[in-house]
Amino acid sequence: MARLALATHNAHKVGEILAILEPLVPGLTQGDIASAGQLGAPAPVEDGTSFAENALIKAHALCAATGLPAIADDSGIAVDIMGGAPGIFSALWSGRHGADSENLQLLLAQMTDIPTAHRGAAFVCAAALVKPDGTELVELGTVRGRLAEAASGGNGFGYDPIFVPEGYDVTSAQLSPQEKNRISHRAAAFRALAPHIAAVLS
């Protein structure tokens, strides 16, 4: 029986977060975590004005719906020359939530003719934990990089095919899942949250 609820309906994200947490949370198994989709919990309206606010909205809603400690994240890409956009609107940048290919192609089109020196960007993630007693925690993770001029790679999801992390000459979608989980914004945020998750499950 699940001991922890994860606020996502995205199967890719379930696998990624489990892979990040397993080495950090003693005894954690796939059966310990149930996604909002598996639990039949509706997705709340994400009307926060920051990644942290939206992560907390999702975690609080799922905790209230299930009675389980809940974790959630909100993440996106922030492009320097666009003032940090798409930011919290990353998942619906093209006007339809979760349309990864359309979002990516729109952002690439908006960056047409922008030289490499001005294509700086960051992936940002806020990871939240909410306990049934109302206690809440949020940790942030960021990875700097730049936008590629074309999509490359078949791993990852979202904007991974056009994001080149600092220190690399390939996109996040060209990295192995293990390497991506070592450096990603989501990994950084959940690594910081992991001791608190372990305490809840102990």
C-alpha atoms as a PDB file:
ATOM      1  CA  MET A   1       0.000   0.000   0.000  1.00  0.00           C
ATOM      2  CA  ALA A   2       1.293   3.422  -0.932  1.00  0.00           C
ATOM      3  CA  ARG A   3       2.738   5.539   1.839  1.00  0.00           C
ATOM      4  CA  LEU A   4       3.404   8.630  -0.246  1.00  0.00           C
ATOM      5  CA  ALA A   5       1.383  10.401  -2.924  1.00  0.00           C
ATOM      6  CA  LEU A   6       3.005  12.074  -5.932  1.00  0.00           C
ATOM      7  CA  ALA A   7       1.114  14.904  -7.573  1.00  0.00           C
ATOM      8  CA  THR A   8       1.476  14.088 -11.235  1.00  0.00           C
ATOM      9  CA  HIS A   9      -0.401  12.338 -14.036  1.00  0.00           C
ATOM     10  CA  ASN A  10       2.821  12.143 -16.082  1.00  0.00           C
ATOM     11  CA  ALA A  11       4.255   8.609 -16.200  1.00  0.00           C
ATOM     12  CA  HIS A  12       7.677   9.930 -17.289  1.00  0.00           C
ATOM     13  CA  LYS A  13       7.869  12.109 -14.193  1.00  0.00           C
ATOM     14  CA  VAL A  14       6.863   9.252 -11.865  1.00  0.00           C
ATOM     15  CA  GLY A  15       9.771   7.144 -13.117  1.00  0.00           C
ATOM     16  CA  GLU A  16      12.225  10.033 -13.004  1.00  0.00           C
ATOM     17  CA  ILE A  17      11.378  11.070  -9.441  1.00  0.00           C
ATOM     18  CA  LEU A  18      11.431   7.475  -8.197  1.00  0.00           C
ATOM     19  CA  ALA A  19      14.873   6.984  -9.777  1.00  0.00           C
ATOM     20  CA  ILE A  20      16.129  10.132  -8.035  1.00  0.00           C
ATOM     21  CA  LEU A  21      14.698   9.227  -4.622  1.00  0.00           C
ATOM     22  CA  GLU A  22      15.422   5.483  -4.437  1.00  0.00           C
ATOM     23  CA  PRO A  23      19.145   5.858  -3.610  1.00  0.00           C
ATOM     24  CA  LEU A  24      18.408   8.646  -1.107  1.00  0.00           C
ATOM     25  CA  VAL A  25      15.419   7.304   0.848  1.00  0.00           C
ATOM     26  CA  PRO A  26      16.269   4.046   2.650  1.00  0.00           C
ATOM     27  CA  GLY A  27      13.899   1.194   1.783  1.00  0.00           C
ATOM     28  CA  LEU A  28      11.872   3.187  -0.744  1.00  0.00           C
ATOM     29  CA  THR A  29      10.234   1.024  -3.408  1.00  0.00           C
ATOM     30  CA  GLN A  30       7.947   1.711  -6.345  1.00  0.00           C
ATOM     31  CA  GLY A  31       5.028   0.397  -4.307  1.00  0.00           C
ATOM     32  CA  ASP A  32       5.521   3.112  -1.691  1.00  0.00           C
ATOM     33  CA  ILE A  33       4.599   5.895  -4.118  1.00  0.00           C
ATOM     34  CA  ALA A  34       1.271   6.327  -5.893  1.00  0.00           C
ATOM     35  CA  SER A  35       0.674   9.054  -8.450  1.00  0.00           C
ATOM     36  CA  ALA A  36      -2.351  11.321  -8.474  1.00  0.00           C
ATOM     37  CA  GLY A  37      -3.445   9.474 -11.606  1.00  0.00           C
ATOM     38  CA  GLN A  38      -3.284   6.099  -9.883  1.00  0.00           C
ATOM     39  CA  LEU A  39      -5.164   7.496  -6.894  1.00  0.00           C
ATOM     40  CA  GLY A  40      -7.851   9.114  -9.037  1.00  0.00           C
ATOM     41  CA  ALA A  41      -7.154  12.531  -7.553  1.00  0.00           C
ATOM     42  CA  PRO A  42      -8.142  15.521  -9.700  1.00  0.00           C
ATOM     43  CA  ALA A  43      -5.545  18.074 -10.720  1.00  0.00           C
ATOM     44  CA  PRO A  44      -6.052  21.384  -8.882  1.00  0.00           C
ATOM     45  CA  VAL A  45      -6.021  24.799 -10.529  1.00  0.00           C
ATOM     46  CA  GLU A  46      -2.407  25.959 -10.499  1.00  0.00           C
ATOM     47  CA  ASP A  47      -2.901  29.678 -10.000  1.00  0.00           C
ATOM     48  CA  GLY A  48       0.282  30.469  -8.091  1.00  0.00           C
ATOM     49  CA  THR A  49       2.711  33.116  -9.274  1.00  0.00           C
ATOM     50  CA  SER A  50       5.874  31.050  -8.740  1.00  0.00           C
ATOM     51  CA  PHE A  51       7.097  27.489  -9.104  1.00  0.00           C
ATOM     52  CA  ALA A  52       7.077  27.131  -5.297  1.00  0.00           C
ATOM     53  CA  GLU A  53       3.471  28.313  -4.967  1.00  0.00           C
ATOM     54  CA  ASN A  54       2.254  25.938  -7.663  1.00  0.00           C
ATOM     55  CA  ALA A  55       4.139  22.977  -6.177  1.00  0.00           C
ATOM     56  CA  LEU A  56       2.535  23.657  -2.797  1.00  0.00           C
ATOM     57  CA  ILE A  57      -0.930  24.000  -4.345  1.00  0.00           C
ATOM     58  CA  LYS A  58      -0.574  20.554  -5.924  1.00  0.00           C
ATOM     59  CA  ALA A  59       0.876  18.922  -2.811  1.00  0.00           C
ATOM     60  CA  HIS A  60      -1.765  20.390  -0.470  1.00  0.00           C
ATOM     61  CA  ALA A  61      -4.604  19.330  -2.777  1.00  0.00           C
ATOM     62  CA  LEU A  62      -3.318  15.770  -3.105  1.00  0.00           C
ATOM     63  CA  CYS A  63      -2.641  15.431   0.608  1.00  0.00           C
ATOM     64  CA  ALA A  64      -6.186  16.615   1.356  1.00  0.00           C
ATOM     65  CA  ALA A  65      -7.678  14.223  -1.216  1.00  0.00           C
ATOM     66  CA  THR A  66      -5.765  11.134  -0.077  1.00  0.00           C
ATOM     67  CA  GLY A  67      -4.785  11.662   3.553  1.00  0.00           C
ATOM     68  CA  LEU A  68      -1.227  10.692   2.579  1.00  0.00           C
ATOM     69  CA  PRO A  69       1.912  12.790   2.780  1.00  0.00           C
ATOM     70  CA  ALA A  70       2.190  14.305  -0.688  1.00  0.00           C
ATOM     71  CA  ILE A  71       5.061  15.461  -2.834  1.00  0.00           C
ATOM     72  CA  ALA A  72       4.759  17.655  -5.882  1.00  0.00           C
ATOM     73  CA  ASP A  73       6.960  19.649  -8.142  1.00  0.00           C
ATOM     74  CA  ASP A  74       6.517  22.524 -10.498  1.00  0.00           C
ATOM     75  CA  SER A  75       9.179  23.206 -13.032  1.00  0.00           C
ATOM     76  CA  GLY A  76       9.890  24.907 -16.286  1.00  0.00           C
ATOM     77  CA  ILE A  77      12.386  26.693 -18.431  1.00  0.00           C
ATOM     78  CA  ALA A  78      13.364  30.315 -17.951  1.00  0.00           C
ATOM     79  CA  VAL A  79      15.014  32.035 -20.914  1.00  0.00           C
ATOM     80  CA  ASP A  80      17.235  34.984 -20.035  1.00  0.00           C
ATOM     81  CA  ILE A  81      16.526  37.158 -23.073  1.00  0.00           C
ATOM     82  CA  MET A  82      12.771  36.584 -22.620  1.00  0.00           C
ATOM     83  CA  GLY A  83      12.823  37.895 -19.056  1.00  0.00           C
ATOM     84  CA  GLY A  84      12.475  34.438 -17.536  1.00  0.00           C
ATOM     85  CA  ALA A  85       9.612  33.265 -19.764  1.00  0.00           C
ATOM     86  CA  PRO A  86       8.062  30.772 -20.330  1.00  0.00           C
ATOM     87  CA  GLY A  87       8.655  30.218 -16.597  1.00  0.00           C
ATOM     88  CA  ILE A  88       5.569  28.958 -14.775  1.00  0.00           C
ATOM     89  CA  PHE A  89       3.740  28.872 -18.121  1.00  0.00           C
ATOM     90  CA  SER A  90       6.196  26.381 -19.654  1.00  0.00           C
ATOM     91  CA  ALA A  91       3.704  23.499 -19.816  1.00  0.00           C
ATOM     92  CA  LEU A  92       1.094  25.557 -21.670  1.00  0.00           C
ATOM     93  CA  TRP A  93       3.289  27.940 -23.641  1.00  0.00           C
ATOM     94  CA  SER A  94       1.600  27.041 -26.936  1.00  0.00           C
ATOM     95  CA  GLY A  95      -1.872  27.366 -25.390  1.00  0.00           C
ATOM     96  CA  ARG A  96      -2.567  23.716 -24.580  1.00  0.00           C
ATOM     97  CA  HIS A  97      -1.303  22.147 -21.356  1.00  0.00           C
ATOM     98  CA  GLY A  98       1.306  19.447 -21.803  1.00  0.00           C
ATOM     99  CA  ALA A  99       1.655  19.820 -25.592  1.00  0.00           C
ATOM    100  CA  ASP A 100       5.403  19.216 -25.390  1.00  0.00           C
ATOM    101  CA  SER A 101       6.208  19.301 -29.092  1.00  0.00           C
ATOM    102  CA  GLU A 102       4.134  22.426 -29.769  1.00  0.00           C
ATOM    103  CA  ASN A 103       5.596  24.219 -26.733  1.00  0.00           C
ATOM    104  CA  LEU A 104       9.132  23.385 -27.809  1.00  0.00           C
ATOM    105  CA  GLN A 105       8.600  24.417 -31.435  1.00  0.00           C
ATOM    106  CA  LEU A 106       7.010  27.723 -30.407  1.00  0.00           C
ATOM    107  CA  LEU A 107       9.922  28.577 -28.126  1.00  0.00           C
ATOM    108  CA  LEU A 108      12.424  27.694 -30.855  1.00  0.00           C
ATOM    109  CA  ALA A 109      10.533  29.903 -33.305  1.00  0.00           C
ATOM    110  CA  GLN A 110      10.577  32.783 -30.823  1.00  0.00           C
ATOM    111  CA  MET A 111      14.363  32.410 -30.520  1.00  0.00           C
ATOM    112  CA  THR A 112      15.027  32.366 -34.276  1.00  0.00           C
ATOM    113  CA  ASP A 113      18.113  34.420 -35.186  1.00  0.00           C
ATOM    114  CA  ILE A 114      19.110  34.909 -31.536  1.00  0.00           C
ATOM    115  CA  PRO A 115      22.888  34.254 -31.395  1.00  0.00           C
ATOM    116  CA  THR A 116      24.366  31.609 -29.116  1.00  0.00           C
ATOM    117  CA  ALA A 117      25.743  34.220 -26.719  1.00  0.00           C
ATOM    118  CA  HIS A 118      22.210  35.363 -25.934  1.00  0.00           C
ATOM    119  CA  ARG A 119      20.513  31.953 -25.705  1.00  0.00           C
ATOM    120  CA  GLY A 120      21.182  31.492 -21.988  1.00  0.00           C
ATOM    121  CA  ALA A 121      18.444  29.715 -20.041  1.00  0.00           C
ATOM    122  CA  ALA A 122      17.817  27.698 -16.904  1.00  0.00           C
ATOM    123  CA  PHE A 123      15.637  24.796 -15.919  1.00  0.00           C
ATOM    124  CA  VAL A 124      14.050  25.536 -12.526  1.00  0.00           C
ATOM    125  CA  CYS A 125      12.227  23.133 -10.206  1.00  0.00           C
ATOM    126  CA  ALA A 126      10.429  23.603  -6.911  1.00  0.00           C
ATOM    127  CA  ALA A 127       9.789  20.353  -5.004  1.00  0.00           C
ATOM    128  CA  ALA A 128       7.234  20.422  -2.195  1.00  0.00           C
ATOM    129  CA  LEU A 129       6.310  18.050   0.610  1.00  0.00           C
ATOM    130  CA  VAL A 130       3.050  18.461   2.522  1.00  0.00           C
ATOM    131  CA  LYS A 131       2.189  16.305   5.543  1.00  0.00           C
ATOM    132  CA  PRO A 132      -1.337  15.500   6.741  1.00  0.00           C
ATOM    133  CA  ASP A 133      -0.773  17.779   9.764  1.00  0.00           C
ATOM    134  CA  GLY A 134      -0.324  20.713   7.363  1.00  0.00           C
ATOM    135  CA  THR A 135       3.452  20.952   7.631  1.00  0.00           C
ATOM    136  CA  GLU A 136       4.994  22.020   4.334  1.00  0.00           C
ATOM    137  CA  LEU A 137       8.500  22.204   2.911  1.00  0.00           C
ATOM    138  CA  VAL A 138       9.805  23.468  -0.433  1.00  0.00           C
ATOM    139  CA  GLU A 139      13.249  23.019  -1.982  1.00  0.00           C
ATOM    140  CA  LEU A 140      14.499  24.605  -5.216  1.00  0.00           C
ATOM    141  CA  GLY A 141      16.816  23.232  -7.871  1.00  0.00           C
ATOM    142  CA  THR A 142      18.285  25.010 -10.906  1.00  0.00           C
ATOM    143  CA  VAL A 143      20.512  23.984 -13.789  1.00  0.00           C
ATOM    144  CA  ARG A 144      21.974  26.602 -16.117  1.00  0.00           C
ATOM    145  CA  GLY A 145      22.535  26.137 -19.825  1.00  0.00           C
ATOM    146  CA  ARG A 146      21.493  27.465 -23.202  1.00  0.00           C
ATOM    147  CA  LEU A 147      18.908  26.790 -25.870  1.00  0.00           C
ATOM    148  CA  ALA A 148      19.992  24.785 -28.884  1.00  0.00           C
ATOM    149  CA  GLU A 149      18.956  25.928 -32.348  1.00  0.00           C
ATOM    150  CA  ALA A 150      17.212  22.634 -33.125  1.00  0.00           C
ATOM    151  CA  ALA A 151      15.785  19.738 -31.143  1.00  0.00           C
ATOM    152  CA  SER A 152      18.022  16.694 -30.624  1.00  0.00           C
ATOM    153  CA  GLY A 153      17.718  13.490 -28.629  1.00  0.00           C
ATOM    154  CA  GLY A 154      15.005  11.041 -27.717  1.00  0.00           C
ATOM    155  CA  ASN A 155      15.368  10.836 -23.941  1.00  0.00           C
ATOM    156  CA  GLY A 156      13.618  13.028 -21.406  1.00  0.00           C
ATOM    157  CA  PHE A 157      10.520  15.087 -22.085  1.00  0.00           C
ATOM    158  CA  GLY A 158       9.309  18.683 -22.235  1.00  0.00           C
ATOM    159  CA  TYR A 159      12.047  21.074 -23.320  1.00  0.00           C
ATOM    160  CA  ASP A 160      14.875  18.546 -22.802  1.00  0.00           C
ATOM    161  CA  PRO A 161      15.556  18.226 -26.573  1.00  0.00           C
ATOM    162  CA  ILE A 162      16.486  21.926 -26.882  1.00  0.00           C
ATOM    163  CA  PHE A 163      18.304  22.532 -23.582  1.00  0.00           C
ATOM    164  CA  VAL A 164      22.094  22.164 -23.469  1.00  0.00           C
ATOM    165  CA  PRO A 165      23.291  22.067 -19.832  1.00  0.00           C
ATOM    166  CA  GLU A 166      26.407  24.025 -18.880  1.00  0.00           C
ATOM    167  CA  GLY A 167      29.527  21.950 -19.389  1.00  0.00           C
ATOM    168  CA  TYR A 168      27.921  19.793 -22.095  1.00  0.00           C
ATOM    169  CA  ASP A 169      27.705  19.983 -25.870  1.00  0.00           C
ATOM    170  CA  VAL A 170      24.581  17.809 -26.114  1.00  0.00           C
ATOM    171  CA  THR A 171      21.002  18.401 -25.046  1.00  0.00           C
ATOM    172  CA  SER A 172      19.392  16.977 -21.923  1.00  0.00           C
ATOM    173  CA  ALA A 173      17.463  14.612 -24.207  1.00  0.00           C
ATOM    174  CA  GLN A 174      20.759  13.183 -25.495  1.00  0.00           C
ATOM    175  CA  LEU A 175      21.976  12.329 -21.998  1.00  0.00           C
ATOM    176  CA  SER A 176      21.335   8.951 -20.431  1.00  0.00           C
ATOM    177  CA  PRO A 177      18.577   8.980 -17.799  1.00  0.00           C
ATOM    178  CA  GLN A 178      21.240   8.332 -15.165  1.00  0.00           C
ATOM    179  CA  GLU A 179      23.353  11.295 -16.246  1.00  0.00           C
ATOM    180  CA  LYS A 180      20.354  13.584 -16.536  1.00  0.00           C
ATOM    181  CA  ASN A 181      19.194  12.602 -13.048  1.00  0.00           C
ATOM    182  CA  ARG A 182      22.650  13.417 -11.725  1.00  0.00           C
ATOM    183  CA  ILE A 183      22.619  17.032 -12.933  1.00  0.00           C
ATOM    184  CA  SER A 184      18.974  18.022 -13.444  1.00  0.00           C
ATOM    185  CA  HIS A 185      17.015  20.756 -11.711  1.00  0.00           C
ATOM    186  CA  ARG A 186      14.476  18.160 -10.563  1.00  0.00           C
ATOM    187  CA  ALA A 187      17.237  15.987  -9.121  1.00  0.00           C
ATOM    188  CA  ALA A 188      18.706  18.936  -7.220  1.00  0.00           C
ATOM    189  CA  ALA A 189      15.345  19.877  -5.725  1.00  0.00           C
ATOM    190  CA  PHE A 190      14.371  16.324  -4.751  1.00  0.00           C
ATOM    191  CA  ARG A 191      17.845  15.564  -3.388  1.00  0.00           C
ATOM    192  CA  ALA A 192      17.359  18.460  -0.993  1.00  0.00           C
ATOM    193  CA  LEU A 193      13.856  17.244  -0.107  1.00  0.00           C
ATOM    194  CA  ALA A 194      14.868  13.564   0.259  1.00  0.00           C
ATOM    195  CA  PRO A 195      15.879  13.669   3.964  1.00  0.00           C
ATOM    196  CA  HIS A 196      12.481  15.126   4.846  1.00  0.00           C
ATOM    197  CA  ILE A 197      10.716  12.445   2.787  1.00  0.00           C
ATOM    198  CA  ALA A 198      12.779   9.766   4.517  1.00  0.00           C
ATOM    199  CA  ALA A 199      11.771  11.163   7.913  1.00  0.00           C
ATOM    200  CA  VAL A 200       8.090  11.063   6.967  1.00  0.00           C
ATOM    201  CA  LEU A 201       8.330   7.432   5.835  1.00  0.00           C
ATOM    202  CA  SER A 202      10.488   6.191   8.731  1.00  0.00           C
END
